Amino acid sequence: MASIDDRLNEIRYVRNDIWRYRRRLQSELSDLERKILEERLLERQSAFERLLATTFPFTLTL
């Protein structure tokens, strides 16, 4: 089982990927490049949500 530090490092790594993809999508890209980056962004966002859910499984609802 991964330590909490390992999980937090992975969360930061994926978050940074998401930021990179978003910045890249703001630039001039071909249609193919844009499509590929958008797909990667969606994949990384899903990975980020899974990591958060498994690292912090309890949520509070108000």
Protein backbone atom coordinates (compact mmCIF):
# COMPACT_ATOMS: atom_id res chain seq x y z
CA MET A 1 0.00 0.00 0.00
CA ALA A 2 1.28 3.46 -0.91
CA SER A 3 2.05 5.88 1.87
CA ILE A 4 0.10 9.11 2.18
CA ASP A 5 3.20 10.99 0.98
CA ASP A 6 3.31 8.86 -2.16
CA ARG A 7 -0.38 9.49 -2.79
CA LEU A 8 0.00 13.24 -2.27
CA ASN A 9 2.99 13.32 -4.64
CA GLU A 10 0.94 11.50 -7.26
CA ILE A 11 -1.95 13.94 -6.80
CA ARG A 12 0.44 16.88 -7.28
CA TYR A 13 1.96 15.26 -10.37
CA VAL A 14 -1.44 14.69 -11.99
CA ARG A 15 -2.61 18.19 -11.02
CA ASN A 16 0.47 19.68 -12.69
CA ASP A 17 -0.26 17.66 -15.84
CA ILE A 18 -3.78 19.11 -15.88
CA TRP A 19 -2.42 22.64 -15.55
CA ARG A 20 0.07 22.00 -18.37
CA TYR A 21 -2.62 20.65 -20.69
CA ARG A 22 -4.91 23.60 -19.96
CA ARG A 23 -2.14 26.11 -20.69
CA ARG A 24 -1.22 24.27 -23.89
CA LEU A 25 -4.86 24.28 -25.03
CA GLN A 26 -4.84 28.10 -24.86
CA SER A 27 -2.19 28.23 -27.59
CA GLU A 28 -2.43 27.83 -31.36
CA LEU A 29 -2.90 24.14 -32.17
CA SER A 30 -3.95 22.07 -35.12
CA ASP A 31 -7.27 20.28 -34.84
CA LEU A 32 -5.51 16.96 -34.29
CA GLU A 33 -3.22 18.36 -31.56
CA ARG A 34 -6.21 19.96 -29.83
CA LYS A 35 -8.19 16.71 -29.96
CA ILE A 36 -5.30 14.71 -28.51
CA LEU A 37 -4.69 17.22 -25.72
CA GLU A 38 -8.39 17.39 -24.85
CA GLU A 39 -8.49 13.59 -24.58
CA ARG A 40 -5.39 13.54 -22.38
CA LEU A 41 -6.84 16.30 -20.22
CA LEU A 42 -10.04 14.30 -19.67
CA GLU A 43 -7.99 11.21 -18.80
CA ARG A 44 -5.87 13.12 -16.30
CA GLN A 45 -8.94 14.77 -14.74
CA SER A 46 -10.51 11.34 -14.26
CA ALA A 47 -7.27 10.05 -12.74
CA PHE A 48 -7.17 13.09 -10.44
CA GLU A 49 -10.73 12.49 -9.25
CA ARG A 50 -10.00 8.79 -8.61
CA LEU A 51 -6.86 9.65 -6.66
CA LEU A 52 -8.73 12.16 -4.53
CA ALA A 53 -11.56 9.71 -3.87
CA THR A 54 -9.19 6.94 -2.80
CA THR A 55 -6.85 9.19 -0.81
CA PHE A 56 -9.62 11.14 0.92
CA PRO A 57 -12.60 8.74 0.90
CA PHE A 58 -14.72 10.71 3.36
CA THR A 59 -16.64 13.77 2.29
CA LEU A 60 -18.85 16.04 4.29
CA THR A 61 -22.09 17.27 2.87
CA LEU A 62 -23.73 20.40 4.14
